[in-house]
Protein backbone atom coordinates (compact mmCIF):
# COMPACT_ATOMS: atom_id res chain seq x y z
CA MET A 1 120.51 119.06 93.50
CA SER A 2 122.19 120.78 96.42
CA LYS A 3 124.28 118.86 98.91
CA LYS A 4 121.91 119.77 101.75
CA LYS A 5 118.84 118.54 99.88
CA ALA A 6 120.59 115.29 98.90
CA ARG A 7 121.51 114.65 102.53
CA LYS A 8 117.94 115.30 103.70
CA ASN A 9 116.58 112.86 101.12
CA SER A 10 119.17 110.31 102.20
CA GLU A 11 118.15 110.65 105.85
CA GLN A 12 114.47 110.24 105.00
CA GLY A 13 115.26 107.12 103.01
CA THR A 14 117.26 105.67 105.88
CA TYR A 15 114.40 106.25 108.32
CA ALA A 16 111.88 104.70 105.93
CA LEU A 17 114.06 101.65 105.31
CA CYS A 18 114.83 101.00 108.98
CA ILE A 19 111.26 101.50 110.20
CA THR A 20 109.85 99.28 107.45
CA THR A 21 112.41 96.57 108.18
CA GLY A 22 111.60 96.77 111.90
CA LEU A 23 107.88 96.48 111.21
CA ILE A 24 108.32 93.47 108.96
CA VAL A 25 110.99 91.54 110.86
CA ILE A 26 109.94 92.21 114.43
CA GLY A 27 106.25 92.86 113.77
CA LEU A 28 105.69 89.60 111.94
CA GLY A 29 108.20 87.64 113.98
CA LEU A 30 106.76 88.50 117.38
CA GLY A 31 103.17 88.80 116.17
CA PRO A 32 102.05 85.37 117.39
CA LEU A 33 103.60 85.94 120.82
CA LEU A 34 102.66 89.53 121.63
CA GLY A 35 99.78 90.36 119.35
CA MET A 36 100.10 92.17 116.07
CA LEU A 37 99.58 95.74 117.31
CA ALA A 38 102.10 95.56 120.15
CA SER A 39 104.77 93.85 118.08
CA SER A 40 104.32 96.31 115.21
CA ALA A 41 104.75 99.23 117.61
CA ILE A 42 107.89 97.66 119.07
CA GLY A 43 109.28 96.98 115.58
CA GLY A 44 108.62 100.53 114.40
CA THR A 45 110.24 101.96 117.51
CA ILE A 46 113.33 99.79 117.18
CA GLY A 47 113.59 100.70 113.49
CA GLY A 48 113.36 104.41 114.30
CA VAL A 49 116.05 104.15 116.95
CA ALA A 50 118.30 102.21 114.58
CA ALA A 51 117.85 104.86 111.86
CA TYR A 52 118.62 107.64 114.34
CA LEU A 53 121.81 105.89 115.44
CA ILE A 54 122.89 105.28 111.84
CA ILE A 55 122.34 108.89 110.79
CA ASN A 56 123.80 110.55 113.89
CA ARG A 57 126.83 108.35 114.53
CA LYS A 58 130.08 110.09 115.32
CA SER A 59 132.50 108.93 112.69
CA GLY A 60 135.11 111.66 112.81
CA ARG A 61 134.30 112.83 109.30
CA LYS A 62 133.29 116.39 108.56
CA ASN A 63 130.14 116.72 106.50
C-alpha cells in the first residue's frame, strides 16, 4: 500500500471515529433537552470539526 493511500484511509477513519463519537456522546446526552434531531446534528458537527482539527494540526513535522 502506498504512503498516500494509507494516509487517506487514516484520515477517513479519523473522521468516522470522531463523527460517530460526537453523535453518540452529544446526541444521546443532549437528546432529552434539545430533541434527538437537533442534538444529533450538533454532535455530528462537533465530531467533524474535531476530526478536521486533529488531521490538520500544525505539529512541525514534515509528512
